[in-house]
Amino acid sequence: MDKFVLNLGCGTEDYGTHRVDIEQTRSATHVFNVENGILFPDGMFDAVYERNLLEHLQDHGYHLRELYRVLKKGGVVTLITDNAACVRFYLFRTHMGGYMGHRKFLSHNADKHYAVFTVEHLKNLFLSARFQIIRSEYVDTDFMPTFFLDRAMRMLHIFASLTYPRIKVVAIKE
């Protein structure tokens, strides 16, 4: 039996059987705004993956409830989002609200950050949406800025919450 994997905010990633973005990209198989709900039936997916999407949404609780709804029982969600404690965001003013350093890349002009998260914020959101958290961890990005400070920041990863720009949460619908 085929497994269905939903990739939300896919951009140009080819991962997943169903790839959703807010505008047509070379990878998107479906185009819609997830702020209005996830336009698939209940219990359709074995897994949901999203990277760098949650911080761009206004209603995080609603979004996680939608993830829960479209997952099958035993389905797994893997979510990667911005880490509020990352010093780099404040040093380079990239996640400070408005458009200070955060450029609008998309034609629909909706590329804004509404929030950044701590591990505790994410745990609370996932638990309130009835997920069981498997693990949470700090992760690096695959598009590191080339600032001279980057090497020093990498050496300081023992202070993970301050230096890693992303948090990854893996949770299951029991």
C-alpha atoms as a PDB file:
ATOM      1  CA  MET A   1       0.000   0.000   0.000  1.00  0.00           C
ATOM      2  CA  ASP A   2       1.311   3.451  -0.925  1.00  0.00           C
ATOM      3  CA  LYS A   3       2.080   5.932   1.819  1.00  0.00           C
ATOM      4  CA  PHE A   4       0.937   9.502   1.459  1.00  0.00           C
ATOM      5  CA  VAL A   5       3.313  12.213   2.665  1.00  0.00           C
ATOM      6  CA  LEU A   6       2.200  15.855   2.783  1.00  0.00           C
ATOM      7  CA  ASN A   7       4.869  18.553   2.419  1.00  0.00           C
ATOM      8  CA  LEU A   8       3.419  21.930   3.439  1.00  0.00           C
ATOM      9  CA  GLY A   9       5.168  25.072   2.221  1.00  0.00           C
ATOM     10  CA  CYS A  10       7.221  22.920  -0.137  1.00  0.00           C
ATOM     11  CA  GLY A  11       8.831  25.744  -2.118  1.00  0.00           C
ATOM     12  CA  THR A  12      11.069  23.913  -4.587  1.00  0.00           C
ATOM     13  CA  GLU A  13      11.483  20.722  -2.515  1.00  0.00           C
ATOM     14  CA  ASP A  14      10.380  17.511  -4.212  1.00  0.00           C
ATOM     15  CA  TYR A  15       9.863  15.593  -0.957  1.00  0.00           C
ATOM     16  CA  GLY A  16       6.415  14.079  -0.418  1.00  0.00           C
ATOM     17  CA  THR A  17       3.587  12.677  -2.520  1.00  0.00           C
ATOM     18  CA  HIS A  18       1.483  15.829  -2.041  1.00  0.00           C
ATOM     19  CA  ARG A  19       3.372  19.132  -2.055  1.00  0.00           C
ATOM     20  CA  VAL A  20       1.539  22.337  -1.135  1.00  0.00           C
ATOM     21  CA  ASP A  21       2.616  25.937  -1.507  1.00  0.00           C
ATOM     22  CA  ILE A  22       0.790  29.265  -1.488  1.00  0.00           C
ATOM     23  CA  GLU A  23       1.851  29.881  -5.075  1.00  0.00           C
ATOM     24  CA  GLN A  24       2.801  27.643  -7.970  1.00  0.00           C
ATOM     25  CA  THR A  25       6.391  26.452  -7.817  1.00  0.00           C
ATOM     26  CA  ARG A  26       8.154  23.825  -9.887  1.00  0.00           C
ATOM     27  CA  SER A  27       7.512  21.304  -7.084  1.00  0.00           C
ATOM     28  CA  ALA A  28       4.018  22.170  -5.841  1.00  0.00           C
ATOM     29  CA  THR A  29       1.327  19.640  -6.716  1.00  0.00           C
ATOM     30  CA  HIS A  30      -1.364  21.702  -4.960  1.00  0.00           C
ATOM     31  CA  VAL A  31      -1.649  25.472  -4.545  1.00  0.00           C
ATOM     32  CA  PHE A  32      -3.624  26.976  -1.663  1.00  0.00           C
ATOM     33  CA  ASN A  33      -3.225  29.047   1.494  1.00  0.00           C
ATOM     34  CA  VAL A  34      -2.977  26.752   4.527  1.00  0.00           C
ATOM     35  CA  GLU A  35      -4.174  29.639   6.725  1.00  0.00           C
ATOM     36  CA  ASN A  36      -7.649  28.749   5.414  1.00  0.00           C
ATOM     37  CA  GLY A  37      -7.262  25.067   6.292  1.00  0.00           C
ATOM     38  CA  ILE A  38      -5.561  22.065   4.769  1.00  0.00           C
ATOM     39  CA  LEU A  39      -7.735  21.077   1.819  1.00  0.00           C
ATOM     40  CA  PHE A  40      -7.492  17.306   2.173  1.00  0.00           C
ATOM     41  CA  PRO A  41      -9.816  14.754   3.819  1.00  0.00           C
ATOM     42  CA  ASP A  42      -9.515  13.639   7.442  1.00  0.00           C
ATOM     43  CA  GLY A  43      -6.929  10.918   8.079  1.00  0.00           C
ATOM     44  CA  MET A  44      -5.463  10.932   4.571  1.00  0.00           C
ATOM     45  CA  PHE A  45      -1.735  11.171   5.325  1.00  0.00           C
ATOM     46  CA  ASP A  46       0.807   8.841   6.892  1.00  0.00           C
ATOM     47  CA  ALA A  47       3.204  11.738   7.476  1.00  0.00           C
ATOM     48  CA  VAL A  48       3.312  15.523   7.296  1.00  0.00           C
ATOM     49  CA  TYR A  49       6.499  17.510   6.831  1.00  0.00           C
ATOM     50  CA  GLU A  50       6.957  21.255   6.970  1.00  0.00           C
ATOM     51  CA  ARG A  51      10.055  23.393   7.174  1.00  0.00           C
ATOM     52  CA  ASN A  52      10.065  27.127   7.858  1.00  0.00           C
ATOM     53  CA  LEU A  53       6.291  27.522   7.564  1.00  0.00           C
ATOM     54  CA  LEU A  54       4.821  27.783  11.068  1.00  0.00           C
ATOM     55  CA  GLU A  55       6.451  31.144  11.816  1.00  0.00           C
ATOM     56  CA  HIS A  56       4.699  32.605   8.749  1.00  0.00           C
ATOM     57  CA  LEU A  57       1.209  31.613   9.937  1.00  0.00           C
ATOM     58  CA  GLN A  58      -1.040  33.689  12.136  1.00  0.00           C
ATOM     59  CA  ASP A  59      -3.022  30.974  13.965  1.00  0.00           C
ATOM     60  CA  HIS A  60      -0.615  28.291  15.131  1.00  0.00           C
ATOM     61  CA  GLY A  61      -3.149  26.348  17.187  1.00  0.00           C
ATOM     62  CA  TYR A  62      -5.560  26.071  14.257  1.00  0.00           C
ATOM     63  CA  HIS A  63      -2.739  24.958  11.974  1.00  0.00           C
ATOM     64  CA  LEU A  64      -1.616  22.179  14.316  1.00  0.00           C
ATOM     65  CA  ARG A  65      -5.211  20.995  14.746  1.00  0.00           C
ATOM     66  CA  GLU A  66      -5.428  20.809  10.935  1.00  0.00           C
ATOM     67  CA  LEU A  67      -2.220  18.755  10.833  1.00  0.00           C
ATOM     68  CA  TYR A  68      -3.758  16.394  13.383  1.00  0.00           C
ATOM     69  CA  ARG A  69      -6.972  16.166  11.374  1.00  0.00           C
ATOM     70  CA  VAL A  70      -5.328  15.164   8.071  1.00  0.00           C
ATOM     71  CA  LEU A  71      -2.985  12.589   9.653  1.00  0.00           C
ATOM     72  CA  LYS A  72      -3.938   8.939   9.999  1.00  0.00           C
ATOM     73  CA  LYS A  73      -3.829   7.404  13.462  1.00  0.00           C
ATOM     74  CA  GLY A  74      -0.151   6.661  14.048  1.00  0.00           C
ATOM     75  CA  GLY A  75       0.824   9.347  11.536  1.00  0.00           C
ATOM     76  CA  VAL A  76       3.936  11.398  12.188  1.00  0.00           C
ATOM     77  CA  VAL A  77       4.476  15.121  11.757  1.00  0.00           C
ATOM     78  CA  THR A  78       7.975  16.579  11.370  1.00  0.00           C
ATOM     79  CA  LEU A  79       8.043  20.348  11.766  1.00  0.00           C
ATOM     80  CA  ILE A  80      11.047  22.684  11.607  1.00  0.00           C
ATOM     81  CA  THR A  81      10.657  26.327  12.592  1.00  0.00           C
ATOM     82  CA  ASP A  82      12.596  29.343  13.835  1.00  0.00           C
ATOM     83  CA  ASN A  83      14.239  29.288  17.268  1.00  0.00           C
ATOM     84  CA  ALA A  84      13.373  32.442  19.223  1.00  0.00           C
ATOM     85  CA  ALA A  85      16.558  32.175  21.289  1.00  0.00           C
ATOM     86  CA  CYS A  86      18.945  32.221  18.322  1.00  0.00           C
ATOM     87  CA  VAL A  87      21.319  35.140  18.844  1.00  0.00           C
ATOM     88  CA  ARG A  88      21.987  35.437  15.111  1.00  0.00           C
ATOM     89  CA  PHE A  89      18.414  36.627  14.440  1.00  0.00           C
ATOM     90  CA  TYR A  90      18.945  39.575  16.783  1.00  0.00           C
ATOM     91  CA  LEU A  91      22.512  40.364  15.731  1.00  0.00           C
ATOM     92  CA  PHE A  92      21.558  40.548  12.068  1.00  0.00           C
ATOM     93  CA  ARG A  93      17.962  41.746  12.686  1.00  0.00           C
ATOM     94  CA  THR A  94      16.475  39.162  10.347  1.00  0.00           C
ATOM     95  CA  HIS A  95      13.545  38.077  12.546  1.00  0.00           C
ATOM     96  CA  MET A  96      12.709  41.282  14.357  1.00  0.00           C
ATOM     97  CA  GLY A  97       9.318  42.008  12.801  1.00  0.00           C
ATOM     98  CA  GLY A  98       8.374  44.351  10.010  1.00  0.00           C
ATOM     99  CA  TYR A  99      10.820  44.133   7.154  1.00  0.00           C
ATOM    100  CA  MET A 100      14.118  44.854   8.933  1.00  0.00           C
ATOM    101  CA  GLY A 101      16.305  42.329   7.170  1.00  0.00           C
ATOM    102  CA  HIS A 102      13.451  39.980   6.284  1.00  0.00           C
ATOM    103  CA  ARG A 103      12.861  40.434   2.600  1.00  0.00           C
ATOM    104  CA  LYS A 104       9.630  39.714   0.774  1.00  0.00           C
ATOM    105  CA  PHE A 105      10.455  36.942  -1.705  1.00  0.00           C
ATOM    106  CA  LEU A 106       7.021  35.871  -2.881  1.00  0.00           C
ATOM    107  CA  SER A 107       4.784  37.589  -5.396  1.00  0.00           C
ATOM    108  CA  HIS A 108       1.794  37.517  -3.023  1.00  0.00           C
ATOM    109  CA  ASN A 109       3.684  39.772  -0.538  1.00  0.00           C
ATOM    110  CA  ALA A 110       2.711  37.598   2.426  1.00  0.00           C
ATOM    111  CA  ASP A 111       6.225  36.546   3.407  1.00  0.00           C
ATOM    112  CA  LYS A 112       6.158  37.808   6.986  1.00  0.00           C
ATOM    113  CA  HIS A 113       7.168  36.333  10.306  1.00  0.00           C
ATOM    114  CA  TYR A 114       4.374  36.369  12.858  1.00  0.00           C
ATOM    115  CA  ALA A 115       6.265  34.474  15.562  1.00  0.00           C
ATOM    116  CA  VAL A 116       9.424  32.705  16.574  1.00  0.00           C
ATOM    117  CA  PHE A 117       9.313  29.846  19.062  1.00  0.00           C
ATOM    118  CA  THR A 118      11.077  28.212  21.965  1.00  0.00           C
ATOM    119  CA  VAL A 119      11.028  24.460  22.546  1.00  0.00           C
ATOM    120  CA  GLU A 120       8.503  25.035  25.354  1.00  0.00           C
ATOM    121  CA  HIS A 121       6.189  27.056  23.085  1.00  0.00           C
ATOM    122  CA  LEU A 122       6.215  24.249  20.537  1.00  0.00           C
ATOM    123  CA  LYS A 123       5.620  21.548  23.156  1.00  0.00           C
ATOM    124  CA  ASN A 124       2.607  23.461  24.456  1.00  0.00           C
ATOM    125  CA  LEU A 125       1.193  23.937  20.941  1.00  0.00           C
ATOM    126  CA  PHE A 126       1.644  20.279  20.000  1.00  0.00           C
ATOM    127  CA  LEU A 127       0.186  18.998  23.255  1.00  0.00           C
ATOM    128  CA  SER A 128      -2.834  21.305  22.967  1.00  0.00           C
ATOM    129  CA  ALA A 129      -3.458  19.846  19.481  1.00  0.00           C
ATOM    130  CA  ARG A 130      -3.398  16.314  21.051  1.00  0.00           C
ATOM    131  CA  PHE A 131      -0.073  15.188  19.573  1.00  0.00           C
ATOM    132  CA  GLN A 132       2.366  12.994  21.456  1.00  0.00           C
ATOM    133  CA  ILE A 133       5.855  14.462  21.071  1.00  0.00           C
ATOM    134  CA  ILE A 134       8.496  11.933  20.056  1.00  0.00           C
ATOM    135  CA  ARG A 135      11.423  14.362  20.201  1.00  0.00           C
ATOM    136  CA  SER A 136      12.444  17.975  19.839  1.00  0.00           C
ATOM    137  CA  GLU A 137      15.918  19.213  18.994  1.00  0.00           C
ATOM    138  CA  TYR A 138      17.850  22.242  17.859  1.00  0.00           C
ATOM    139  CA  VAL A 139      18.994  22.081  14.238  1.00  0.00           C
ATOM    140  CA  ASP A 140      21.128  24.122  11.888  1.00  0.00           C
ATOM    141  CA  THR A 141      20.058  25.475   8.526  1.00  0.00           C
ATOM    142  CA  ASP A 142      21.280  24.350   5.153  1.00  0.00           C
ATOM    143  CA  PHE A 143      21.708  27.930   4.014  1.00  0.00           C
ATOM    144  CA  MET A 144      24.022  29.447   6.594  1.00  0.00           C
ATOM    145  CA  PRO A 145      24.958  33.096   6.156  1.00  0.00           C
ATOM    146  CA  THR A 146      28.599  33.642   5.285  1.00  0.00           C
ATOM    147  CA  PHE A 147      29.260  36.179   8.030  1.00  0.00           C
ATOM    148  CA  PHE A 148      32.602  35.919   9.836  1.00  0.00           C
ATOM    149  CA  LEU A 149      30.703  35.265  13.050  1.00  0.00           C
ATOM    150  CA  ASP A 150      29.336  31.985  11.727  1.00  0.00           C
ATOM    151  CA  ARG A 151      32.438  29.968  12.590  1.00  0.00           C
ATOM    152  CA  ALA A 152      32.464  31.338  16.115  1.00  0.00           C
ATOM    153  CA  MET A 153      28.744  30.562  16.449  1.00  0.00           C
ATOM    154  CA  ARG A 154      29.336  26.962  15.344  1.00  0.00           C
ATOM    155  CA  MET A 155      31.987  26.528  18.047  1.00  0.00           C
ATOM    156  CA  LEU A 156      29.440  27.727  20.600  1.00  0.00           C
ATOM    157  CA  HIS A 157      26.866  25.033  19.772  1.00  0.00           C
ATOM    158  CA  ILE A 158      27.215  23.766  23.319  1.00  0.00           C
ATOM    159  CA  PHE A 159      24.811  26.651  23.953  1.00  0.00           C
ATOM    160  CA  ALA A 160      22.395  25.128  21.447  1.00  0.00           C
ATOM    161  CA  SER A 161      19.365  27.241  22.279  1.00  0.00           C
ATOM    162  CA  LEU A 162      21.341  30.421  21.549  1.00  0.00           C
ATOM    163  CA  THR A 163      23.156  29.365  18.400  1.00  0.00           C
ATOM    164  CA  TYR A 164      21.001  26.946  16.435  1.00  0.00           C
ATOM    165  CA  PRO A 165      18.547  28.856  14.218  1.00  0.00           C
ATOM    166  CA  ARG A 166      15.881  26.156  14.019  1.00  0.00           C
ATOM    167  CA  ILE A 167      13.913  23.795  16.233  1.00  0.00           C
ATOM    168  CA  LYS A 168      12.700  20.449  14.932  1.00  0.00           C
ATOM    169  CA  VAL A 169       9.736  18.682  16.503  1.00  0.00           C
ATOM    170  CA  VAL A 170       8.658  15.155  15.620  1.00  0.00           C
ATOM    171  CA  ALA A 171       5.255  14.119  16.967  1.00  0.00           C
ATOM    172  CA  ILE A 172       2.700  11.369  16.465  1.00  0.00           C
ATOM    173  CA  LYS A 173      -1.072  11.199  16.305  1.00  0.00           C
ATOM    174  CA  GLU A 174      -1.959   8.364  18.667  1.00  0.00           C
END
